[in-house]
Amino acid sequence: MSDTAPTLVLTGGQVLTVDAGFTVAEGVAVRGRDILAVGSDPEMRALAGPGTRIVELGGRTVLPGINDSHLHGAAYGMTKPPFAIDVGHPAVGSLADIAAAVSRAARDVPDGEWIVGLGWDPGYLAECVADPGRFPHRRDLDAVAPGHPVCLTDFSSHMVWANSEALRRCGIDADTTPPPGGVIDHDPDGRPTGILREAAGRLVQAALPAPTLAQRRQAIRNVIRELHSRGITSYTEPGLGPGGAGTLFGGLSTDNWTAYADLAASGELRARVSVLLLPAPMGGSAADLRGGLAELRRPESADPRLLRAIGVKIFGDGVPPNRTAWMNEPYPEGGHGALCVHGDTPALQVDELREMIRVAHEAGFQLGVHVTGDRAIDTVVDAFVAADRAAPRPDARHYVIHGDFISPGSLAKLAAHGYGVNMNPAIKWTVSDLMDEVVGPERSAYQWPVRSALDAGVRVCASSDAPITEPDWRQGVASMMLRESKASGRPSGPEQRVQLADALRAYTATPAWQDFADAWKGTIEPGRAADLCVLDRPLLGLDPHDITEVRVDLTVFDGQVVFER
């Protein structure tokens, strides 16, 4: 083969470049690891040499490789079978189904060993839907696994459901004081129900046996293989470090850095992974953050286009379904939620959060802050601005993670300072009906205001937050375009709908900006990384309701075909 001829040509289709003008071409040529040319079908065919592989698209769409910009890859792998049982919808639809799944696991797991699972959501459990006063309880698990400690994490990863044996082993009883930012639910007699919210969940999760490095590597390999089948070639690991040691079955711990580095060194890391460091836990302090950063001895990949740490993750508040998101207006049932950082009063917590942000900013890190309630978001955005005013960094690219109820004022500040927001449209699709009850219909409709953010000039990324939802960008794109509920199909905030181009940009070009990689990936342009995915049909003009039925036929990573149906 000529040194100048392409190694691969995809032509005769609909190449959505997602460049600044959303140019549509007919073909793309790849040489080695990079995109060589983009253009018409005759132009691409003319470039081909005797050894060039030509893929006939037949009208199918080609996209840049998808970049899921908030995906807990290691945790996603370790919260799936064979490492954990699936207790999420649609695998289960009732408390009885979960009890049956735990009972099956108890037959296979030796007595006294832990049973762990992920995914339960009371909004999709028949008994809880029929009776709003019914909630998962330790007794539901005691009946089927009395001799095993059981830890089931909910779909959001912000609640743990434990049985009596797990509570006993962890020393949790009526007198246990939850850690800062945590809540332990109690029966009227004062005994714990088995539900532990936010930081309190770590009281149980910290007791789980740690996965081995070999298990971590295998979990990551499994995940990347799955991601290739979904057209995903890049993702952000949003939190690895000492602050994640007791979260998602060890999937956020520092040891995962070693697992990733091992895979990169052996040539087995076949995805581009950007990492946010997690030096402080939920409920942590500026001192925790400083100590965690000092402790982290992160291995770096020889190829920073494969694996690198680009920022720091901080937890600001909780999540709306738990009523722990810090809101300006009270929840219909009362209360405003709270920040989940160290401090005995809201004012002290605000000061602590501002100091955490200042420390990370002045250390030169990008900041991604988990924050969902409008009052908490305002606090974080103001802290971004204050930190930059004290120590100017013109291209810090800080961003709000989730940003459920972000106010117009905070959107304007993000835009003015070149900061971003990372939203989760598939979670919106999942919880729309539930949120009407949690915050009322008006606030529920506004949740994740993508259209408002784009109109304000804010860079918007969209992501799955897997394992919270499946890493399915198709569902995310459809949700951004439709704003419909998974449970009922009812529209929720249709004024926040966006068009296909904006939705695709949130999964490709804008995440490349978030990764400080917009000069070399995220679009289909000459000289960019040859990360591509081929769909099974044309995407332009497709009914948004049909997008979730689209299949990925072929995925190219770093110039190599890594998946082909």
Protein backbone atom coordinates (compact mmCIF):
# COMPACT_ATOMS: atom_id res chain seq x y z
CA MET A 1 0.00 0.00 0.00
CA SER A 2 1.18 3.52 -0.78
CA ASP A 3 2.21 5.52 2.28
CA THR A 4 -0.23 8.22 1.17
CA ALA A 5 -3.24 5.99 0.49
CA PRO A 6 -5.94 5.63 3.15
CA THR A 7 -6.14 2.44 5.15
CA LEU A 8 -9.93 2.71 5.41
CA VAL A 9 -12.64 4.51 3.44
CA LEU A 10 -16.28 4.77 4.52
CA THR A 11 -18.30 6.14 1.63
CA GLY A 12 -21.68 6.38 -0.04
CA GLY A 13 -23.50 7.55 3.04
CA GLN A 14 -24.39 10.40 5.35
CA VAL A 15 -21.30 11.59 7.22
CA LEU A 16 -22.36 13.98 9.98
CA THR A 17 -19.10 15.76 10.74
CA VAL A 18 -20.49 17.74 13.73
CA ASP A 19 -18.05 20.50 12.79
CA ALA A 20 -18.89 24.16 13.46
CA GLY A 21 -21.31 24.24 10.52
CA PHE A 22 -22.66 20.70 11.02
CA THR A 23 -21.44 19.83 7.53
CA VAL A 24 -22.83 16.67 5.94
CA ALA A 25 -20.46 14.76 3.62
CA GLU A 26 -20.72 11.48 1.72
CA GLY A 27 -17.54 9.79 2.84
CA VAL A 28 -14.49 9.82 5.09
CA ALA A 29 -10.99 8.43 4.54
CA VAL A 30 -8.71 7.22 7.34
CA ARG A 31 -4.95 6.74 7.25
CA GLY A 32 -3.32 5.18 10.28
CA ARG A 33 -4.74 6.74 13.44
CA ASP A 34 -6.09 9.92 11.82
CA ILE A 35 -8.77 11.15 9.48
CA LEU A 36 -7.18 11.85 6.10
CA ALA A 37 -10.04 13.43 4.17
CA VAL A 38 -13.78 14.13 4.21
CA GLY A 39 -15.82 14.80 1.11
CA SER A 40 -17.94 13.43 -1.70
CA ASP A 41 -18.26 9.79 -2.67
CA PRO A 42 -16.17 10.19 -5.88
CA GLU A 43 -13.45 12.06 -3.97
CA MET A 44 -13.15 9.35 -1.35
CA ARG A 45 -13.10 6.53 -3.90
CA ALA A 46 -10.37 8.32 -5.84
CA LEU A 47 -8.13 8.31 -2.76
CA ALA A 48 -8.33 4.55 -2.25
CA GLY A 49 -5.32 2.40 -3.05
CA PRO A 50 -4.99 -1.34 -3.70
CA GLY A 51 -4.80 -2.12 0.04
CA THR A 52 -7.53 0.26 1.20
CA ARG A 53 -10.54 -1.31 2.86
CA ILE A 54 -13.68 0.30 1.47
CA VAL A 55 -16.88 0.13 3.52
CA GLU A 56 -19.96 0.71 1.38
CA LEU A 57 -22.32 2.74 3.53
CA GLY A 58 -25.37 2.44 1.31
CA GLY A 59 -26.84 5.64 2.76
CA ARG A 60 -26.05 4.83 6.38
CA THR A 61 -24.92 7.53 8.81
CA VAL A 62 -21.39 7.97 10.14
CA LEU A 63 -20.86 9.92 13.38
CA PRO A 64 -17.77 10.88 15.33
CA GLY A 65 -17.02 8.28 17.99
CA ILE A 66 -19.42 8.95 20.85
CA ASN A 67 -17.93 10.54 23.98
CA ASP A 68 -19.94 9.73 27.11
CA SER A 69 -18.66 12.58 29.24
CA HIS A 70 -19.80 11.28 32.65
CA LEU A 71 -19.63 7.49 32.82
CA HIS A 72 -18.34 5.59 35.85
CA GLY A 73 -16.64 2.93 33.74
CA ALA A 74 -15.02 0.84 36.46
CA ALA A 75 -18.10 1.06 38.66
CA TYR A 76 -20.37 0.20 35.74
CA GLY A 77 -18.37 -2.97 35.23
CA MET A 78 -18.33 -3.90 38.91
CA THR A 79 -22.05 -3.32 39.46
CA LYS A 80 -23.07 -5.79 36.74
CA PRO A 81 -23.19 -9.57 36.79
CA PRO A 82 -21.11 -11.52 37.68
CA PHE A 83 -19.92 -8.96 40.24
CA ALA A 84 -23.39 -7.83 41.41
CA ILE A 85 -27.04 -8.72 40.86
CA ASP A 86 -29.30 -6.55 38.72
CA VAL A 87 -32.19 -5.16 40.77
CA GLY A 88 -33.13 -2.37 38.38
CA HIS A 89 -36.02 -1.89 35.97
CA PRO A 90 -36.81 -3.74 33.72
CA ALA A 91 -35.05 -6.72 35.33
CA VAL A 92 -37.35 -6.30 38.33
CA GLY A 93 -40.75 -4.68 38.70
CA SER A 94 -41.61 -5.20 42.34
CA LEU A 95 -40.24 -5.73 45.82
CA ALA A 96 -41.22 -9.37 45.39
CA ASP A 97 -39.03 -9.59 42.28
CA ILE A 98 -36.08 -8.17 44.21
CA ALA A 99 -36.66 -10.61 47.05
CA ALA A 100 -36.65 -13.45 44.53
CA ALA A 101 -33.39 -12.22 42.97
CA VAL A 102 -31.74 -11.97 46.39
CA SER A 103 -33.07 -15.42 47.31
CA ARG A 104 -31.48 -16.91 44.17
CA ALA A 105 -28.19 -15.21 45.00
CA ALA A 106 -28.34 -16.53 48.57
CA ARG A 107 -28.46 -20.08 47.21
CA ASP A 108 -25.27 -19.50 45.20
CA VAL A 109 -23.28 -17.40 47.68
CA PRO A 110 -21.75 -19.16 50.72
CA ASP A 111 -23.39 -18.37 54.05
CA GLY A 112 -22.03 -15.24 55.65
CA GLU A 113 -20.73 -13.68 52.43
CA TRP A 114 -22.04 -10.40 51.02
CA ILE A 115 -24.76 -10.13 48.40
CA VAL A 116 -24.62 -6.84 46.49
CA GLY A 117 -26.80 -5.37 43.80
CA LEU A 118 -27.66 -2.14 42.03
CA GLY A 119 -30.56 -0.38 40.38
CA TRP A 120 -33.73 -0.42 42.52
CA ASP A 121 -36.07 2.52 41.99
CA PRO A 122 -39.27 2.86 44.06
CA GLY A 123 -40.92 4.57 41.11
CA TYR A 124 -40.81 1.23 39.27
CA LEU A 125 -41.63 -1.13 42.15
CA ALA A 126 -45.29 -2.17 42.07
CA GLU A 127 -45.85 -2.18 45.84
CA CYS A 128 -44.35 1.32 46.23
CA VAL A 129 -46.35 2.69 43.30
CA ALA A 130 -49.59 1.25 44.71
CA ASP A 131 -48.90 2.59 48.21
CA PRO A 132 -46.80 5.79 48.41
CA GLY A 133 -46.21 5.00 52.09
CA ARG A 134 -44.51 1.70 51.24
CA PHE A 135 -40.74 1.81 50.86
CA PRO A 136 -38.03 -0.86 50.76
CA HIS A 137 -37.27 -2.17 54.26
CA ARG A 138 -34.68 -4.43 55.87
CA ARG A 139 -37.42 -7.01 56.56
CA ASP A 140 -37.96 -7.54 52.81
CA LEU A 141 -34.38 -8.80 52.58
CA ASP A 142 -34.25 -10.55 55.97
CA ALA A 143 -36.99 -12.92 54.86
CA VAL A 144 -34.94 -14.33 51.96
CA ALA A 145 -31.32 -13.93 53.09
CA PRO A 146 -31.14 -13.94 56.89
CA GLY A 147 -27.64 -15.43 56.92
CA HIS A 148 -26.08 -13.09 54.37
CA PRO A 149 -25.32 -9.38 54.68
CA VAL A 150 -27.13 -7.67 51.78
CA CYS A 151 -26.33 -4.26 50.29
CA LEU A 152 -28.50 -3.03 47.41
CA THR A 153 -27.70 0.41 46.02
CA ASP A 154 -30.49 2.34 44.32
CA PHE A 155 -30.39 3.49 40.69
CA SER A 156 -29.01 6.92 41.63
CA SER A 157 -26.25 5.48 43.87
CA HIS A 158 -27.39 7.91 46.59
CA MET A 159 -29.33 5.35 48.68
CA VAL A 160 -28.38 1.99 50.16
CA TRP A 161 -30.88 -0.67 51.21
CA ALA A 162 -29.41 -3.11 53.73
CA ASN A 163 -30.74 -6.07 55.65
CA SER A 164 -30.44 -6.66 59.38
CA GLU A 165 -27.31 -8.79 59.07
CA ALA A 166 -25.54 -6.02 57.12
CA LEU A 167 -26.60 -3.42 59.70
CA ARG A 168 -25.38 -5.69 62.52
CA ARG A 169 -21.99 -6.24 60.91
CA CYS A 170 -21.54 -2.53 60.34
CA GLY A 171 -22.58 -1.60 63.87
CA ILE A 172 -25.58 0.43 62.74
CA ASP A 173 -28.38 0.64 65.29
CA ALA A 174 -30.82 3.11 66.78
CA ASP A 175 -27.99 5.07 68.39
CA THR A 176 -25.80 5.43 65.29
CA THR A 177 -25.11 9.01 64.26
CA PRO A 178 -24.91 9.42 60.47
CA PRO A 179 -21.81 11.08 59.01
CA PRO A 180 -22.06 14.69 57.74
CA GLY A 181 -24.31 14.82 54.71
CA GLY A 182 -25.91 11.45 55.53
CA VAL A 183 -29.36 10.29 56.66
CA ILE A 184 -30.37 7.00 58.31
CA ASP A 185 -34.10 6.23 58.06
CA HIS A 186 -35.75 4.89 61.23
CA ASP A 187 -38.92 3.03 62.16
CA PRO A 188 -41.25 4.62 64.74
CA ASP A 189 -39.53 2.48 67.40
CA GLY A 190 -36.17 4.06 66.51
CA ARG A 191 -34.63 1.07 64.74
CA PRO A 192 -33.02 1.65 61.33
CA THR A 193 -35.25 0.64 58.43
CA GLY A 194 -32.27 -0.41 56.35
CA ILE A 195 -32.36 2.70 54.14
CA LEU A 196 -29.24 4.87 54.32
CA ARG A 197 -29.11 8.03 52.24
CA GLU A 198 -26.21 9.99 50.77
CA ALA A 199 -23.02 9.82 52.90
CA ALA A 200 -24.65 7.36 55.33
CA GLY A 201 -24.50 4.71 52.63
CA ARG A 202 -20.74 4.55 53.10
CA LEU A 203 -21.29 3.03 56.55
CA VAL A 204 -22.29 -0.15 54.73
CA GLN A 205 -20.43 0.13 51.44
CA ALA A 206 -17.09 0.63 53.20
CA ALA A 207 -17.49 -2.84 54.72
CA LEU A 208 -17.78 -4.60 51.36
CA PRO A 209 -14.80 -6.74 50.31
CA ALA A 210 -12.57 -4.85 47.89
CA PRO A 211 -12.33 -6.22 44.33
CA THR A 212 -8.90 -7.47 43.30
CA LEU A 213 -6.87 -5.64 40.66
CA ALA A 214 -7.50 -8.53 38.29
CA GLN A 215 -11.25 -8.16 38.83
CA ARG A 216 -11.03 -4.42 38.23
CA ARG A 217 -9.11 -4.90 34.99
CA GLN A 218 -11.60 -7.50 33.79
CA ALA A 219 -14.55 -5.26 34.64
CA ILE A 220 -13.02 -2.40 32.62
CA ARG A 221 -12.28 -4.70 29.68
CA ASN A 222 -15.88 -5.91 29.71
CA VAL A 223 -17.19 -2.36 29.78
CA ILE A 224 -15.03 -1.14 26.92
CA ARG A 225 -16.13 -4.10 24.81
CA GLU A 226 -19.74 -3.12 25.48
CA LEU A 227 -19.05 0.55 24.78
CA HIS A 228 -17.57 -0.31 21.39
CA SER A 229 -20.82 -2.09 20.51
CA ARG A 230 -22.61 1.16 21.34
CA GLY A 231 -20.29 3.35 19.23
CA ILE A 232 -18.58 4.90 22.27
CA THR A 233 -14.83 5.55 21.94
CA SER A 234 -14.22 8.12 24.73
CA TYR A 235 -15.54 8.62 28.24
CA THR A 236 -14.91 10.56 31.42
CA GLU A 237 -14.38 8.60 34.65
CA PRO A 238 -15.99 11.19 36.94
CA GLY A 239 -14.27 10.46 40.22
CA LEU A 240 -11.46 8.10 41.17
CA GLY A 241 -9.61 8.54 44.44
CA PRO A 242 -9.66 8.14 48.21
CA GLY A 243 -12.99 9.95 48.37
CA GLY A 244 -14.62 7.12 46.41
CA ALA A 245 -13.32 4.18 48.43
CA GLY A 246 -16.76 3.37 49.88
CA THR A 247 -18.91 4.10 46.82
CA LEU A 248 -20.39 1.80 44.17
CA PHE A 249 -18.68 -1.36 45.43
CA GLY A 250 -15.19 0.14 45.12
CA GLY A 251 -15.73 1.36 41.59
CA LEU A 252 -14.62 4.89 42.47
CA SER A 253 -11.52 4.00 44.50
CA THR A 254 -7.91 4.88 43.75
CA ASP A 255 -7.11 1.26 42.85
CA ASN A 256 -8.99 1.71 39.60
CA TRP A 257 -6.27 4.15 38.50
CA THR A 258 -3.81 1.29 38.72
CA ALA A 259 -6.13 -0.99 36.76
CA TYR A 260 -6.52 1.59 33.99
CA ALA A 261 -2.76 2.23 33.88
CA ASP A 262 -2.07 -1.50 33.66
CA LEU A 263 -4.43 -1.80 30.69
CA ALA A 264 -2.90 1.23 28.99
CA ALA A 265 0.63 -0.14 29.46
CA SER A 266 -0.34 -3.53 28.01
CA GLY A 267 -2.13 -2.01 25.01
CA GLU A 268 -5.52 -3.23 26.21
CA LEU A 269 -7.08 0.17 26.93
CA ARG A 270 -9.05 0.61 23.72
CA ALA A 271 -10.86 3.80 24.66
CA ARG A 272 -9.91 7.37 25.53
CA VAL A 273 -10.43 7.86 29.26
CA SER A 274 -10.33 11.25 30.97
CA VAL A 275 -10.36 11.09 34.76
CA LEU A 276 -11.62 13.40 37.46
CA LEU A 277 -9.76 12.80 40.71
CA LEU A 278 -11.93 12.32 43.81
CA PRO A 279 -9.77 13.37 46.77
CA ALA A 280 -12.62 14.01 49.26
CA PRO A 281 -15.74 11.96 50.01
CA MET A 282 -19.31 13.18 50.10
CA GLY A 283 -19.54 15.15 53.33
CA GLY A 284 -15.85 16.01 53.10
CA SER A 285 -13.89 19.17 53.80
CA ALA A 286 -11.15 21.31 52.32
CA ALA A 287 -8.72 19.48 54.59
CA ASP A 288 -9.91 16.17 53.13
CA LEU A 289 -9.41 17.55 49.64
CA ARG A 290 -5.87 18.73 50.38
CA GLY A 291 -5.01 15.42 52.01
CA GLY A 292 -6.53 13.40 49.20
CA LEU A 293 -4.62 15.31 46.53
CA ALA A 294 -1.39 14.81 48.47
CA GLU A 295 -2.11 11.08 48.80
CA LEU A 296 -2.92 10.51 45.14
CA ARG A 297 0.02 9.11 43.24
CA ARG A 298 -1.75 8.66 39.99
CA PRO A 299 -0.10 6.60 37.26
CA GLU A 300 -0.08 8.32 33.89
CA SER A 301 -0.33 6.64 30.50
CA ALA A 302 2.54 6.94 28.06
CA ASP A 303 -0.11 8.17 25.63
CA PRO A 304 -2.11 11.04 27.19
CA ARG A 305 -4.65 10.66 24.38
CA LEU A 306 -5.59 7.37 26.03
CA LEU A 307 -5.53 8.03 29.78
CA ARG A 308 -5.01 11.19 31.79
CA ALA A 309 -6.31 13.06 34.80
CA ILE A 310 -7.81 16.39 33.81
CA GLY A 311 -9.67 17.57 36.88
CA VAL A 312 -11.09 17.18 40.36
CA LYS A 313 -14.59 16.03 41.33
CA ILE A 314 -16.37 17.52 44.35
CA PHE A 315 -19.79 16.58 45.74
CA GLY A 316 -21.84 19.71 46.43
CA ASP A 317 -25.28 18.43 47.42
CA GLY A 318 -27.46 15.34 47.10
CA VAL A 319 -30.12 14.42 44.53
CA PRO A 320 -33.72 15.58 44.10
CA PRO A 321 -35.46 12.17 44.47
CA ASN A 322 -33.97 11.93 47.97
CA ARG A 323 -34.97 15.54 48.65
CA THR A 324 -31.32 16.22 49.46
CA ALA A 325 -30.70 18.66 46.59
CA TRP A 326 -30.34 22.13 48.15
CA MET A 327 -33.23 24.23 46.84
CA ASN A 328 -34.24 27.87 47.21
CA GLU A 329 -37.93 26.99 47.53
CA PRO A 330 -38.97 24.17 49.87
CA TYR A 331 -40.04 20.74 48.71
CA PRO A 332 -43.84 20.23 48.80
CA GLU A 333 -43.33 17.89 51.77
CA GLY A 334 -41.13 20.45 53.53
CA GLY A 335 -37.42 21.08 53.84
CA HIS A 336 -34.90 22.58 51.42
CA GLY A 337 -32.26 19.83 51.24
CA ALA A 338 -28.67 20.75 52.07
CA LEU A 339 -25.09 20.90 50.93
CA CYS A 340 -23.21 17.66 51.62
CA VAL A 341 -19.89 19.11 52.76
CA HIS A 342 -18.41 19.58 56.22
CA GLY A 343 -20.03 22.25 58.40
CA ASP A 344 -22.52 22.55 61.25
CA THR A 345 -24.60 25.28 59.60
CA PRO A 346 -25.51 26.14 56.00
CA ALA A 347 -23.28 29.22 56.16
CA LEU A 348 -20.29 27.18 57.32
CA GLN A 349 -20.97 24.60 54.61
CA VAL A 350 -21.01 27.34 51.96
CA ASP A 351 -17.66 28.61 53.23
CA GLU A 352 -16.23 25.08 53.19
CA LEU A 353 -17.42 24.39 49.64
CA ARG A 354 -16.00 27.69 48.41
CA GLU A 355 -12.65 26.80 50.01
CA MET A 356 -12.64 23.34 48.39
CA ILE A 357 -13.24 24.92 45.00
CA ARG A 358 -10.57 27.56 45.60
CA VAL A 359 -7.95 24.96 46.56
CA ALA A 360 -8.56 22.80 43.48
CA HIS A 361 -8.71 25.83 41.18
CA GLU A 362 -5.44 27.27 42.48
CA ALA A 363 -3.81 23.83 42.14
CA GLY A 364 -4.50 24.06 38.40
CA PHE A 365 -7.27 21.50 38.10
CA GLN A 366 -10.44 21.63 36.09
CA LEU A 367 -13.39 21.33 38.48
CA GLY A 368 -16.46 19.16 37.95
CA VAL A 369 -18.86 19.68 40.85
CA HIS A 370 -21.84 17.39 41.46
CA VAL A 371 -24.65 19.80 42.23
CA THR A 372 -28.39 19.53 41.53
CA GLY A 373 -30.50 22.01 43.54
CA ASP A 374 -30.78 25.62 42.36
CA ARG A 375 -29.46 27.08 45.61
CA ALA A 376 -26.48 24.73 45.59
CA ILE A 377 -25.77 25.46 41.92
CA ASP A 378 -25.79 29.21 42.55
CA THR A 379 -23.31 28.63 45.39
CA VAL A 380 -20.97 26.59 43.19
CA VAL A 381 -21.08 28.93 40.21
CA ASP A 382 -20.38 31.93 42.44
CA ALA A 383 -17.46 29.98 43.94
CA PHE A 384 -16.08 29.30 40.44
CA VAL A 385 -16.21 33.01 39.69
CA ALA A 386 -14.65 33.99 43.02
CA ALA A 387 -11.82 31.47 42.65
CA ASP A 388 -11.01 32.74 39.18
CA ARG A 389 -11.14 36.35 40.30
CA ALA A 390 -8.58 35.59 43.01
CA ALA A 391 -6.34 33.47 40.74
CA PRO A 392 -7.22 34.07 37.07
CA ARG A 393 -7.09 31.06 34.74
CA PRO A 394 -8.49 31.99 31.32
CA ASP A 395 -9.21 28.42 30.17
CA ALA A 396 -10.04 26.43 33.31
CA ARG A 397 -13.15 24.82 31.74
CA HIS A 398 -14.86 24.20 35.08
CA TYR A 399 -18.32 22.72 34.84
CA VAL A 400 -21.43 21.90 36.81
CA ILE A 401 -22.20 18.18 36.93
CA HIS A 402 -25.94 17.44 36.57
CA GLY A 403 -27.20 21.02 37.09
CA ASP A 404 -30.81 19.85 37.35
CA PHE A 405 -32.40 23.14 38.42
CA ILE A 406 -29.79 25.64 37.27
CA SER A 407 -31.12 29.20 37.34
CA PRO A 408 -30.98 31.70 34.45
CA GLY A 409 -28.58 33.79 36.55
CA SER A 410 -26.13 30.92 36.96
CA LEU A 411 -26.40 30.05 33.27
CA ALA A 412 -25.42 33.62 32.41
CA LYS A 413 -22.40 33.44 34.73
CA LEU A 414 -21.24 30.12 33.29
CA ALA A 415 -21.45 31.53 29.78
CA ALA A 416 -19.64 34.74 30.70
CA HIS A 417 -16.69 32.81 32.16
CA GLY A 418 -16.47 30.04 29.57
CA TYR A 419 -17.65 27.29 31.92
CA GLY A 420 -19.95 24.39 31.10
CA VAL A 421 -22.67 22.08 32.35
CA ASN A 422 -22.95 18.30 32.04
CA MET A 423 -26.57 17.10 31.93
CA ASN A 424 -28.21 13.66 31.98
CA PRO A 425 -31.17 13.42 29.60
CA ALA A 426 -31.77 9.70 30.16
CA ILE A 427 -32.21 10.35 33.88
CA LYS A 428 -34.76 13.05 32.98
CA TRP A 429 -36.58 10.44 30.88
CA THR A 430 -36.48 8.00 33.81
CA VAL A 431 -37.65 10.24 36.67
CA SER A 432 -39.99 12.77 35.01
CA ASP A 433 -43.21 11.50 36.58
CA LEU A 434 -41.62 10.95 39.99
CA MET A 435 -40.25 14.50 40.02
CA ASP A 436 -43.75 15.97 39.71
CA GLU A 437 -44.36 14.60 43.21
CA VAL A 438 -40.93 15.53 44.56
CA VAL A 439 -40.71 19.19 43.49
CA GLY A 440 -44.08 19.98 41.89
CA PRO A 441 -45.02 20.09 38.19
CA GLU A 442 -43.49 23.49 37.37
CA ARG A 443 -40.03 22.76 38.69
CA SER A 444 -40.18 19.22 37.36
CA ALA A 445 -40.85 20.47 33.83
CA TYR A 446 -37.84 22.81 34.04
CA GLN A 447 -35.41 20.14 35.28
CA TRP A 448 -32.37 19.93 33.00
CA PRO A 449 -33.10 23.05 30.92
CA VAL A 450 -30.94 22.18 27.91
CA ARG A 451 -32.55 24.70 25.55
CA SER A 452 -32.17 27.53 28.05
CA ALA A 453 -28.52 26.63 28.63
CA LEU A 454 -27.69 26.61 24.93
CA ASP A 455 -29.57 29.86 24.36
CA ALA A 456 -27.55 31.43 27.18
CA GLY A 457 -24.33 30.45 25.42
CA VAL A 458 -23.31 27.67 27.82
CA ARG A 459 -21.49 24.62 26.50
CA VAL A 460 -23.69 21.61 27.25
CA CYS A 461 -22.45 18.03 27.46
CA ALA A 462 -24.86 15.11 27.76
CA SER A 463 -23.96 11.86 29.47
CA SER A 464 -25.39 8.65 30.90
CA ASP A 465 -23.90 8.70 34.43
CA ALA A 466 -23.69 4.90 34.03
CA PRO A 467 -24.37 2.79 36.00
CA ILE A 468 -27.18 5.20 36.97
CA THR A 469 -28.58 4.72 33.46
CA GLU A 470 -27.32 2.53 30.64
CA PRO A 471 -24.57 4.14 28.52
CA ASP A 472 -27.01 4.56 25.65
CA TRP A 473 -26.44 7.83 23.78
CA ARG A 474 -29.40 7.04 21.53
CA GLN A 475 -31.77 7.31 24.49
CA GLY A 476 -30.04 10.52 25.53
CA VAL A 477 -30.43 12.09 22.09
CA ALA A 478 -34.08 11.02 21.85
CA SER A 479 -34.76 12.37 25.34
CA MET A 480 -33.23 15.75 24.51
CA MET A 481 -35.38 15.99 21.39
CA LEU A 482 -38.63 14.73 22.94
CA ARG A 483 -38.58 15.49 26.71
CA GLU A 484 -40.99 12.60 27.31
CA SER A 485 -41.41 10.35 30.35
CA LYS A 486 -40.30 6.73 30.29
CA ALA A 487 -43.21 5.63 32.49
CA SER A 488 -46.10 7.48 30.85
CA GLY A 489 -44.81 9.04 27.62
CA ARG A 490 -46.04 12.40 28.90
CA PRO A 491 -44.08 15.50 27.75
CA SER A 492 -42.13 17.23 30.53
CA GLY A 493 -40.90 20.71 29.69
CA PRO A 494 -41.30 20.54 25.90
CA GLU A 495 -40.00 24.12 25.63
CA GLN A 496 -36.57 22.70 26.55
CA ARG A 497 -36.43 20.39 23.52
CA VAL A 498 -33.46 20.69 21.15
CA GLN A 499 -32.80 19.65 17.57
CA LEU A 500 -30.72 16.68 16.44
CA ALA A 501 -27.58 18.73 15.74
CA ASP A 502 -27.50 20.17 19.26
CA ALA A 503 -28.11 16.76 20.81
CA LEU A 504 -25.34 15.10 18.80
CA ARG A 505 -22.92 17.91 19.58
CA ALA A 506 -23.52 17.25 23.30
CA TYR A 507 -22.22 13.69 22.81
CA THR A 508 -19.26 14.46 20.52
CA ALA A 509 -17.76 17.91 19.97
CA THR A 510 -18.63 19.51 23.31
CA PRO A 511 -17.29 16.62 25.41
CA ALA A 512 -14.04 16.99 23.45
CA TRP A 513 -13.98 20.60 24.68
CA GLN A 514 -14.61 19.38 28.24
CA ASP A 515 -11.64 17.02 27.80
CA PHE A 516 -9.34 19.82 26.54
CA ALA A 517 -9.19 17.73 23.36
CA ASP A 518 -11.29 19.78 20.94
CA ALA A 519 -8.23 20.40 18.74
CA TRP A 520 -7.88 16.71 17.87
CA LYS A 521 -11.10 14.73 18.48
CA GLY A 522 -14.88 15.07 18.60
CA THR A 523 -15.58 15.91 14.95
CA ILE A 524 -14.98 14.30 11.56
CA GLU A 525 -12.38 16.58 10.03
CA PRO A 526 -8.97 15.98 8.42
CA GLY A 527 -6.24 15.60 11.02
CA ARG A 528 -8.60 14.57 13.83
CA ALA A 529 -8.42 11.21 15.58
CA ALA A 530 -10.06 8.47 13.55
CA ASP A 531 -12.77 7.60 16.08
CA LEU A 532 -16.01 6.87 14.21
CA CYS A 533 -19.24 4.93 14.44
CA VAL A 534 -21.44 3.71 11.60
CA LEU A 535 -25.19 3.39 12.17
CA ASP A 536 -27.54 0.98 10.44
CA ARG A 537 -29.61 3.70 8.75
CA PRO A 538 -29.74 7.41 7.89
CA LEU A 539 -30.18 9.55 11.00
CA LEU A 540 -31.18 12.86 9.42
CA GLY A 541 -34.94 13.17 9.23
CA LEU A 542 -35.57 10.13 11.43
CA ASP A 543 -38.50 10.40 13.85
CA PRO A 544 -36.92 10.97 17.29
CA HIS A 545 -39.09 8.16 18.67
CA ASP A 546 -37.19 5.76 16.38
CA ILE A 547 -33.68 6.83 17.37
CA THR A 548 -33.49 4.27 20.18
CA GLU A 549 -34.04 1.53 17.58
CA VAL A 550 -30.96 2.56 15.59
CA ARG A 551 -28.14 0.03 15.81
CA VAL A 552 -24.40 0.57 15.61
CA ASP A 553 -22.98 -1.47 12.73
CA LEU A 554 -19.29 -0.59 13.04
CA THR A 555 -17.01 1.30 15.43
CA VAL A 556 -13.55 2.65 14.61
CA PHE A 557 -11.16 3.58 17.42
CA ASP A 558 -7.77 5.12 16.73
CA GLY A 559 -8.07 4.09 13.08
CA GLN A 560 -8.84 0.43 13.84
CA VAL A 561 -12.17 -1.35 13.52
CA VAL A 562 -12.93 -2.50 17.07
CA PHE A 563 -16.55 -3.56 16.59
CA GLU A 564 -18.45 -4.82 13.57
CA ARG A 565 -21.90 -6.30 13.61
